[in-house]
Amino acid sequence: MQKDSIERLDIDISTLDHYQGLPLPSYATSGSSGMDLLAALEEPVRLQPGSIALIPTGICVAIPSGFEMQIRPRSGLAIKHGVTVVNAPGTIDSDYRGEIKVGLINLGKEPFEITRGMRIAQAVIAMVVKVNWQKVQVLSDTKRGSGGFGHTGLK
């Protein structure tokens, strides 16, 4: 039997008044990469087709330096209802301390109602690598070269 070898990271979280009564973000299964984020709404929001809404989660986090929180769509909402994160993946930087809010867009054909406590997105904590650019005259060559969009075909 394999032991859980996934590294754990302690992150401070605080909740706002409108989060009261909701559980903290958590992993649905032991193999989940993302934690479900909940809508901390006072009243339901009806998201019309083509519309965007900024949905509060009622949480604030202190992401450690060297990490980010990525806000990603929930596959069920996207596939079944066409509701997704408009700037997917959204990034919460390590120096941000305000409320986490999720920009949702309805790409579906029907209105979609977002209610209090609904799982609206998932949060993934990821390491960040900082870049030191090395300016050169010519880049190293590769098999692909500068072939861009659609370069490799469909099959």
N, C-alpha and C. Protein backbone atom coordinates (compact mmCIF):
# COMPACT_ATOMS: atom_id res chain seq x y z
N MET A 1 0.84 -1.18 0.00
CA MET A 1 0.00 0.00 0.00
C MET A 1 0.88 1.24 0.00
N GLN A 2 0.58 2.18 -0.88
CA GLN A 2 1.38 3.39 -1.01
C GLN A 2 0.95 4.43 0.03
N LYS A 3 1.93 5.00 0.69
CA LYS A 3 1.68 6.04 1.67
C LYS A 3 1.45 7.37 0.95
N ASP A 4 0.61 8.23 1.52
CA ASP A 4 0.35 9.55 0.95
C ASP A 4 1.65 10.35 0.98
N SER A 5 2.25 10.56 -0.19
CA SER A 5 3.54 11.24 -0.27
C SER A 5 3.38 12.69 -0.71
N ILE A 6 2.17 13.19 -0.75
CA ILE A 6 1.94 14.55 -1.18
C ILE A 6 2.33 15.51 -0.07
N GLU A 7 3.11 16.51 -0.45
CA GLU A 7 3.56 17.51 0.51
C GLU A 7 2.38 18.36 0.97
N ARG A 8 2.35 18.67 2.25
CA ARG A 8 1.30 19.51 2.83
C ARG A 8 1.88 20.88 3.14
N LEU A 9 1.10 21.92 2.95
CA LEU A 9 1.51 23.30 3.17
C LEU A 9 0.48 23.98 4.05
N ASP A 10 0.90 24.54 5.15
CA ASP A 10 -0.01 25.28 6.03
C ASP A 10 -0.22 26.67 5.45
N ILE A 11 -1.48 27.05 5.24
CA ILE A 11 -1.82 28.37 4.71
C ILE A 11 -2.87 28.99 5.61
N ASP A 12 -2.63 30.24 6.00
CA ASP A 12 -3.60 30.96 6.83
C ASP A 12 -4.80 31.37 5.98
N ILE A 13 -5.99 31.22 6.56
CA ILE A 13 -7.24 31.61 5.90
C ILE A 13 -8.11 32.33 6.91
N SER A 14 -8.78 33.37 6.45
CA SER A 14 -9.77 34.04 7.30
C SER A 14 -11.07 34.13 6.51
N THR A 15 -12.17 34.20 7.24
CA THR A 15 -13.47 34.28 6.59
C THR A 15 -14.15 35.60 6.93
N LEU A 16 -14.94 36.05 6.01
CA LEU A 16 -15.70 37.29 6.19
C LEU A 16 -17.10 36.97 6.70
N ASP A 17 -17.81 37.98 7.15
CA ASP A 17 -19.14 37.78 7.75
C ASP A 17 -20.07 37.00 6.84
N HIS A 18 -20.05 37.28 5.54
CA HIS A 18 -20.98 36.60 4.62
C HIS A 18 -20.60 35.14 4.34
N TYR A 19 -19.50 34.65 4.93
CA TYR A 19 -19.11 33.26 4.79
C TYR A 19 -19.66 32.39 5.92
N GLN A 20 -20.17 33.04 6.93
CA GLN A 20 -20.63 32.35 8.14
C GLN A 20 -21.52 31.15 7.81
N GLY A 21 -21.21 30.01 8.44
CA GLY A 21 -22.01 28.81 8.28
C GLY A 21 -21.57 27.91 7.14
N LEU A 22 -20.63 28.35 6.32
CA LEU A 22 -20.13 27.54 5.21
C LEU A 22 -18.83 26.84 5.62
N PRO A 23 -18.57 25.65 5.08
CA PRO A 23 -17.31 24.96 5.42
C PRO A 23 -16.13 25.57 4.67
N LEU A 24 -14.94 25.41 5.24
CA LEU A 24 -13.72 25.89 4.56
C LEU A 24 -13.49 25.09 3.28
N PRO A 25 -12.78 25.66 2.32
CA PRO A 25 -12.47 24.91 1.10
C PRO A 25 -11.79 23.58 1.45
N SER A 26 -12.16 22.54 0.73
CA SER A 26 -11.59 21.22 1.02
C SER A 26 -11.49 20.41 -0.26
N TYR A 27 -10.71 19.34 -0.17
CA TYR A 27 -10.54 18.41 -1.29
C TYR A 27 -11.67 17.39 -1.25
N ALA A 28 -12.31 17.14 -2.38
CA ALA A 28 -13.43 16.20 -2.44
C ALA A 28 -12.97 14.76 -2.23
N THR A 29 -11.78 14.42 -2.75
CA THR A 29 -11.24 13.07 -2.59
C THR A 29 -9.76 13.17 -2.25
N SER A 30 -9.17 12.06 -1.85
CA SER A 30 -7.75 12.05 -1.51
C SER A 30 -6.87 12.33 -2.73
N GLY A 31 -7.37 12.10 -3.92
CA GLY A 31 -6.60 12.34 -5.13
C GLY A 31 -6.88 13.68 -5.80
N SER A 32 -7.75 14.49 -5.21
CA SER A 32 -8.11 15.78 -5.81
C SER A 32 -6.94 16.75 -5.76
N SER A 33 -6.73 17.48 -6.84
CA SER A 33 -5.71 18.52 -6.89
C SER A 33 -6.27 19.85 -6.43
N GLY A 34 -7.55 20.06 -6.68
CA GLY A 34 -8.18 21.34 -6.36
C GLY A 34 -9.15 21.22 -5.20
N MET A 35 -9.27 22.33 -4.48
CA MET A 35 -10.25 22.45 -3.39
C MET A 35 -11.45 23.20 -3.93
N ASP A 36 -12.63 22.75 -3.57
CA ASP A 36 -13.84 23.43 -4.03
C ASP A 36 -13.99 24.78 -3.33
N LEU A 37 -14.30 25.81 -4.13
CA LEU A 37 -14.63 27.13 -3.61
C LEU A 37 -16.14 27.30 -3.68
N LEU A 38 -16.71 27.87 -2.63
CA LEU A 38 -18.15 28.02 -2.52
C LEU A 38 -18.59 29.46 -2.74
N ALA A 39 -19.79 29.62 -3.25
CA ALA A 39 -20.38 30.95 -3.42
C ALA A 39 -20.89 31.42 -2.05
N ALA A 40 -20.36 32.54 -1.59
CA ALA A 40 -20.78 33.11 -0.31
C ALA A 40 -21.74 34.27 -0.60
N LEU A 41 -22.88 33.92 -1.17
CA LEU A 41 -23.86 34.91 -1.60
C LEU A 41 -24.92 35.13 -0.53
N GLU A 42 -25.39 36.37 -0.46
CA GLU A 42 -26.54 36.69 0.40
C GLU A 42 -27.83 36.30 -0.32
N GLU A 43 -27.87 36.56 -1.64
CA GLU A 43 -29.02 36.27 -2.49
C GLU A 43 -28.54 35.53 -3.73
N PRO A 44 -29.36 34.67 -4.33
CA PRO A 44 -28.95 33.99 -5.57
C PRO A 44 -28.64 34.99 -6.68
N VAL A 45 -27.75 34.58 -7.58
CA VAL A 45 -27.40 35.37 -8.76
C VAL A 45 -27.81 34.57 -9.98
N ARG A 46 -28.62 35.18 -10.83
CA ARG A 46 -29.06 34.54 -12.08
C ARG A 46 -28.13 35.01 -13.18
N LEU A 47 -27.34 34.08 -13.70
CA LEU A 47 -26.35 34.38 -14.73
C LEU A 47 -26.95 34.07 -16.10
N GLN A 48 -27.23 35.12 -16.83
CA GLN A 48 -27.82 34.99 -18.16
C GLN A 48 -26.77 34.50 -19.17
N PRO A 49 -27.19 33.84 -20.25
CA PRO A 49 -26.25 33.43 -21.29
C PRO A 49 -25.43 34.63 -21.78
N GLY A 50 -24.13 34.45 -21.85
CA GLY A 50 -23.24 35.50 -22.30
C GLY A 50 -22.85 36.50 -21.22
N SER A 51 -23.41 36.37 -20.03
CA SER A 51 -23.14 37.32 -18.95
C SER A 51 -22.00 36.85 -18.06
N ILE A 52 -21.37 37.83 -17.41
CA ILE A 52 -20.29 37.59 -16.46
C ILE A 52 -20.71 38.15 -15.11
N ALA A 53 -20.38 37.43 -14.04
CA ALA A 53 -20.64 37.90 -12.68
C ALA A 53 -19.43 37.60 -11.81
N LEU A 54 -19.13 38.52 -10.91
CA LEU A 54 -18.06 38.33 -9.94
C LEU A 54 -18.68 37.80 -8.66
N ILE A 55 -18.38 36.56 -8.32
CA ILE A 55 -19.03 35.88 -7.21
C ILE A 55 -18.08 35.84 -6.00
N PRO A 56 -18.53 36.37 -4.86
CA PRO A 56 -17.69 36.35 -3.66
C PRO A 56 -17.60 34.95 -3.06
N THR A 57 -16.43 34.65 -2.49
CA THR A 57 -16.27 33.38 -1.79
C THR A 57 -16.25 33.56 -0.28
N GLY A 58 -16.06 34.80 0.18
CA GLY A 58 -16.05 35.06 1.61
C GLY A 58 -14.78 34.66 2.33
N ILE A 59 -13.75 34.29 1.57
CA ILE A 59 -12.48 33.90 2.20
C ILE A 59 -11.35 34.82 1.75
N CYS A 60 -10.37 34.98 2.63
CA CYS A 60 -9.12 35.67 2.34
C CYS A 60 -8.00 34.71 2.74
N VAL A 61 -6.93 34.66 1.96
CA VAL A 61 -5.86 33.72 2.23
C VAL A 61 -4.51 34.42 2.21
N ALA A 62 -3.54 33.84 2.90
CA ALA A 62 -2.16 34.33 2.92
C ALA A 62 -1.29 33.29 2.24
N ILE A 63 -1.24 33.35 0.92
CA ILE A 63 -0.44 32.40 0.14
C ILE A 63 1.04 32.70 0.41
N PRO A 64 1.82 31.69 0.76
CA PRO A 64 3.24 31.93 1.03
C PRO A 64 3.99 32.38 -0.22
N SER A 65 5.04 33.14 -0.01
CA SER A 65 5.90 33.56 -1.11
C SER A 65 6.41 32.32 -1.83
N GLY A 66 6.46 32.39 -3.15
CA GLY A 66 6.90 31.25 -3.95
C GLY A 66 5.76 30.36 -4.41
N PHE A 67 4.52 30.74 -4.03
CA PHE A 67 3.34 29.97 -4.43
C PHE A 67 2.28 30.92 -4.98
N GLU A 68 1.30 30.35 -5.65
CA GLU A 68 0.12 31.07 -6.10
C GLU A 68 -1.09 30.17 -5.88
N MET A 69 -2.27 30.77 -5.88
CA MET A 69 -3.50 29.99 -5.89
C MET A 69 -4.11 30.19 -7.27
N GLN A 70 -4.31 29.08 -7.98
CA GLN A 70 -4.95 29.14 -9.29
C GLN A 70 -6.43 28.85 -9.13
N ILE A 71 -7.27 29.68 -9.73
CA ILE A 71 -8.71 29.50 -9.69
C ILE A 71 -9.12 28.90 -11.03
N ARG A 72 -9.65 27.69 -10.96
CA ARG A 72 -9.98 26.94 -12.17
C ARG A 72 -11.46 26.59 -12.22
N PRO A 73 -11.96 26.35 -13.42
CA PRO A 73 -13.37 25.94 -13.54
C PRO A 73 -13.62 24.57 -12.93
N ARG A 74 -14.86 24.33 -12.59
CA ARG A 74 -15.31 22.99 -12.22
C ARG A 74 -15.83 22.34 -13.49
N SER A 75 -15.35 21.16 -13.79
CA SER A 75 -15.69 20.53 -15.06
C SER A 75 -17.19 20.28 -15.20
N GLY A 76 -17.87 19.89 -14.12
CA GLY A 76 -19.31 19.64 -14.20
C GLY A 76 -20.10 20.88 -14.59
N LEU A 77 -19.75 22.02 -13.99
CA LEU A 77 -20.44 23.27 -14.35
C LEU A 77 -20.18 23.63 -15.80
N ALA A 78 -18.95 23.46 -16.23
CA ALA A 78 -18.59 23.83 -17.60
C ALA A 78 -19.27 22.93 -18.63
N ILE A 79 -19.22 21.62 -18.42
CA ILE A 79 -19.75 20.67 -19.41
C ILE A 79 -21.28 20.64 -19.39
N LYS A 80 -21.87 20.61 -18.21
CA LYS A 80 -23.32 20.46 -18.11
C LYS A 80 -24.08 21.77 -18.31
N HIS A 81 -23.47 22.90 -17.93
CA HIS A 81 -24.21 24.17 -17.95
C HIS A 81 -23.52 25.27 -18.75
N GLY A 82 -22.28 25.07 -19.19
CA GLY A 82 -21.56 26.11 -19.92
C GLY A 82 -21.06 27.23 -19.02
N VAL A 83 -21.01 26.99 -17.71
CA VAL A 83 -20.56 28.02 -16.76
C VAL A 83 -19.11 27.73 -16.40
N THR A 84 -18.24 28.74 -16.62
CA THR A 84 -16.82 28.54 -16.41
C THR A 84 -16.19 29.81 -15.84
N VAL A 85 -14.94 29.70 -15.46
CA VAL A 85 -14.19 30.86 -14.95
C VAL A 85 -13.73 31.66 -16.16
N VAL A 86 -14.09 32.94 -16.18
CA VAL A 86 -13.87 33.76 -17.37
C VAL A 86 -12.38 33.99 -17.66
N ASN A 87 -11.55 34.05 -16.64
CA ASN A 87 -10.11 34.27 -16.85
C ASN A 87 -9.30 33.04 -16.45
N ALA A 88 -9.84 31.87 -16.78
CA ALA A 88 -9.23 30.62 -16.33
C ALA A 88 -7.84 30.39 -16.92
N PRO A 89 -6.88 29.98 -16.12
CA PRO A 89 -7.01 30.00 -14.66
C PRO A 89 -6.74 31.39 -14.11
N GLY A 90 -7.52 31.78 -13.14
CA GLY A 90 -7.25 33.03 -12.43
C GLY A 90 -6.10 32.81 -11.47
N THR A 91 -5.37 33.86 -11.16
CA THR A 91 -4.23 33.76 -10.26
C THR A 91 -4.43 34.63 -9.04
N ILE A 92 -4.23 34.05 -7.86
CA ILE A 92 -4.18 34.80 -6.61
C ILE A 92 -2.72 34.84 -6.21
N ASP A 93 -2.13 36.02 -6.23
CA ASP A 93 -0.71 36.18 -5.91
C ASP A 93 -0.46 36.08 -4.41
N SER A 94 0.78 35.79 -4.06
CA SER A 94 1.14 35.59 -2.65
C SER A 94 1.03 36.86 -1.82
N ASP A 95 1.02 38.03 -2.44
CA ASP A 95 0.93 39.27 -1.66
C ASP A 95 -0.49 39.85 -1.62
N TYR A 96 -1.48 39.15 -2.16
CA TYR A 96 -2.87 39.62 -2.11
C TYR A 96 -3.54 39.11 -0.84
N ARG A 97 -4.23 39.99 -0.14
CA ARG A 97 -4.88 39.61 1.11
C ARG A 97 -6.38 39.91 1.13
N GLY A 98 -6.94 40.32 0.01
CA GLY A 98 -8.37 40.62 -0.05
C GLY A 98 -9.21 39.38 -0.27
N GLU A 99 -10.52 39.61 -0.36
CA GLU A 99 -11.45 38.50 -0.59
C GLU A 99 -11.21 37.86 -1.95
N ILE A 100 -11.24 36.53 -1.97
CA ILE A 100 -11.17 35.80 -3.23
C ILE A 100 -12.55 35.88 -3.87
N LYS A 101 -12.59 36.37 -5.09
CA LYS A 101 -13.83 36.42 -5.87
C LYS A 101 -13.58 35.69 -7.18
N VAL A 102 -14.62 35.08 -7.70
CA VAL A 102 -14.50 34.27 -8.91
C VAL A 102 -15.35 34.89 -10.02
N GLY A 103 -14.71 35.21 -11.14
CA GLY A 103 -15.42 35.71 -12.30
C GLY A 103 -15.97 34.54 -13.09
N LEU A 104 -17.29 34.40 -13.11
CA LEU A 104 -17.93 33.31 -13.86
C LEU A 104 -18.61 33.87 -15.10
N ILE A 105 -18.59 33.10 -16.17
CA ILE A 105 -19.29 33.46 -17.40
C ILE A 105 -20.18 32.29 -17.80
N ASN A 106 -21.35 32.63 -18.29
CA ASN A 106 -22.30 31.62 -18.76
C ASN A 106 -22.17 31.52 -20.28
N LEU A 107 -21.51 30.48 -20.74
CA LEU A 107 -21.37 30.23 -22.18
C LEU A 107 -22.46 29.32 -22.70
N GLY A 108 -23.37 28.94 -21.81
CA GLY A 108 -24.47 28.06 -22.18
C GLY A 108 -25.60 28.82 -22.86
N LYS A 109 -26.69 28.10 -23.13
CA LYS A 109 -27.84 28.68 -23.82
C LYS A 109 -28.98 29.03 -22.87
N GLU A 110 -28.87 28.60 -21.61
CA GLU A 110 -29.92 28.83 -20.63
C GLU A 110 -29.38 29.64 -19.46
N PRO A 111 -30.24 30.43 -18.81
CA PRO A 111 -29.80 31.11 -17.58
C PRO A 111 -29.38 30.07 -16.54
N PHE A 112 -28.45 30.46 -15.68
CA PHE A 112 -27.96 29.57 -14.63
C PHE A 112 -28.01 30.31 -13.30
N GLU A 113 -28.61 29.68 -12.29
CA GLU A 113 -28.72 30.32 -10.99
C GLU A 113 -27.62 29.83 -10.05
N ILE A 114 -26.88 30.79 -9.50
CA ILE A 114 -25.83 30.50 -8.53
C ILE A 114 -26.40 30.81 -7.16
N THR A 115 -26.32 29.82 -6.27
CA THR A 115 -26.91 29.97 -4.94
C THR A 115 -25.83 29.85 -3.86
N ARG A 116 -26.18 30.30 -2.67
CA ARG A 116 -25.28 30.26 -1.52
C ARG A 116 -24.79 28.83 -1.27
N GLY A 117 -23.48 28.69 -1.09
CA GLY A 117 -22.89 27.39 -0.80
C GLY A 117 -22.61 26.53 -2.01
N MET A 118 -23.00 26.98 -3.20
CA MET A 118 -22.75 26.21 -4.43
C MET A 118 -21.25 26.16 -4.70
N ARG A 119 -20.78 25.00 -5.12
CA ARG A 119 -19.38 24.85 -5.53
C ARG A 119 -19.21 25.47 -6.91
N ILE A 120 -18.48 26.59 -6.98
CA ILE A 120 -18.42 27.37 -8.21
C ILE A 120 -17.09 27.27 -8.96
N ALA A 121 -16.04 26.88 -8.27
CA ALA A 121 -14.71 26.82 -8.89
C ALA A 121 -13.84 25.94 -8.01
N GLN A 122 -12.62 25.72 -8.46
CA GLN A 122 -11.68 25.01 -7.61
C GLN A 122 -10.38 25.80 -7.53
N ALA A 123 -9.73 25.67 -6.39
CA ALA A 123 -8.47 26.36 -6.13
C ALA A 123 -7.35 25.34 -6.06
N VAL A 124 -6.28 25.61 -6.80
CA VAL A 124 -5.10 24.76 -6.79
C VAL A 124 -3.91 25.61 -6.34
N ILE A 125 -3.17 25.13 -5.36
CA ILE A 125 -1.96 25.82 -4.91
C ILE A 125 -0.80 25.30 -5.75
N ALA A 126 -0.04 26.22 -6.34
CA ALA A 126 1.06 25.83 -7.23
C ALA A 126 2.31 26.65 -6.93
N MET A 127 3.45 26.00 -7.13
CA MET A 127 4.72 26.70 -6.97
C MET A 127 4.91 27.67 -8.12
N VAL A 128 5.62 28.74 -7.83
CA VAL A 128 5.92 29.76 -8.84
C VAL A 128 7.43 29.80 -9.03
N VAL A 129 7.85 29.84 -10.27
CA VAL A 129 9.27 29.98 -10.59
C VAL A 129 9.46 31.37 -11.20
N LYS A 130 10.38 32.13 -10.65
CA LYS A 130 10.70 33.46 -11.19
C LYS A 130 11.75 33.31 -12.29
N VAL A 131 11.64 34.15 -13.31
CA VAL A 131 12.49 34.07 -14.49
C VAL A 131 13.54 35.16 -14.47
N ASN A 132 14.76 34.80 -14.86
CA ASN A 132 15.80 35.77 -15.20
C ASN A 132 16.01 35.65 -16.70
N TRP A 133 15.52 36.64 -17.46
CA TRP A 133 15.63 36.58 -18.91
C TRP A 133 17.10 36.68 -19.33
N GLN A 134 17.47 35.89 -20.32
CA GLN A 134 18.81 35.91 -20.90
C GLN A 134 18.66 36.32 -22.36
N LYS A 135 18.90 37.58 -22.67
CA LYS A 135 18.72 38.08 -24.03
C LYS A 135 19.82 37.52 -24.94
N VAL A 136 19.37 36.89 -26.06
CA VAL A 136 20.29 36.32 -27.04
C VAL A 136 19.90 36.81 -28.43
N GLN A 137 20.80 36.66 -29.38
CA GLN A 137 20.53 37.06 -30.76
C GLN A 137 19.68 36.03 -31.49
N VAL A 138 19.93 34.72 -31.21
CA VAL A 138 19.24 33.63 -31.89
C VAL A 138 18.90 32.56 -30.84
N LEU A 139 17.67 32.03 -30.92
CA LEU A 139 17.27 30.95 -30.01
C LEU A 139 17.78 29.61 -30.53
N SER A 140 17.92 28.64 -29.65
CA SER A 140 18.32 27.30 -30.07
C SER A 140 17.26 26.72 -31.00
N ASP A 141 17.66 25.86 -31.90
CA ASP A 141 16.76 25.28 -32.90
C ASP A 141 16.05 24.06 -32.32
N THR A 142 14.82 23.81 -32.78
CA THR A 142 14.06 22.62 -32.40
C THR A 142 13.42 22.03 -33.65
N LYS A 143 12.88 20.83 -33.53
CA LYS A 143 12.21 20.19 -34.66
C LYS A 143 10.99 21.01 -35.10
N ARG A 144 10.25 21.56 -34.15
CA ARG A 144 9.06 22.35 -34.47
C ARG A 144 9.41 23.72 -35.03
N GLY A 145 10.44 24.31 -34.52
CA GLY A 145 10.84 25.64 -34.97
C GLY A 145 9.80 26.68 -34.62
N SER A 146 9.40 27.49 -35.59
CA SER A 146 8.43 28.56 -35.32
C SER A 146 7.03 28.20 -35.75
N GLY A 147 6.77 26.91 -36.03
CA GLY A 147 5.41 26.47 -36.42
C GLY A 147 4.43 26.77 -35.30
N GLY A 148 3.35 27.45 -35.62
CA GLY A 148 2.41 27.91 -34.61
C GLY A 148 1.07 27.19 -34.65
N PHE A 149 0.01 27.93 -34.44
CA PHE A 149 -1.35 27.43 -34.29
C PHE A 149 -1.72 26.44 -35.40
N GLY A 150 -2.02 25.20 -35.01
CA GLY A 150 -2.44 24.18 -35.96
C GLY A 150 -1.29 23.54 -36.71
N HIS A 151 -0.09 23.88 -36.36
CA HIS A 151 1.09 23.40 -37.08
C HIS A 151 1.19 21.89 -37.13
N THR A 152 0.79 21.22 -36.06
CA THR A 152 0.94 19.76 -36.01
C THR A 152 -0.28 19.02 -36.53
N GLY A 153 -1.33 19.73 -36.94
CA GLY A 153 -2.51 19.10 -37.51
C GLY A 153 -3.45 18.51 -36.47
N LEU A 154 -4.45 17.76 -36.93
CA LEU A 154 -5.45 17.17 -36.06
C LEU A 154 -5.18 15.71 -35.76
N LYS A 155 -4.42 15.04 -36.59
CA LYS A 155 -4.12 13.61 -36.39
C LYS A 155 -2.65 13.36 -36.44
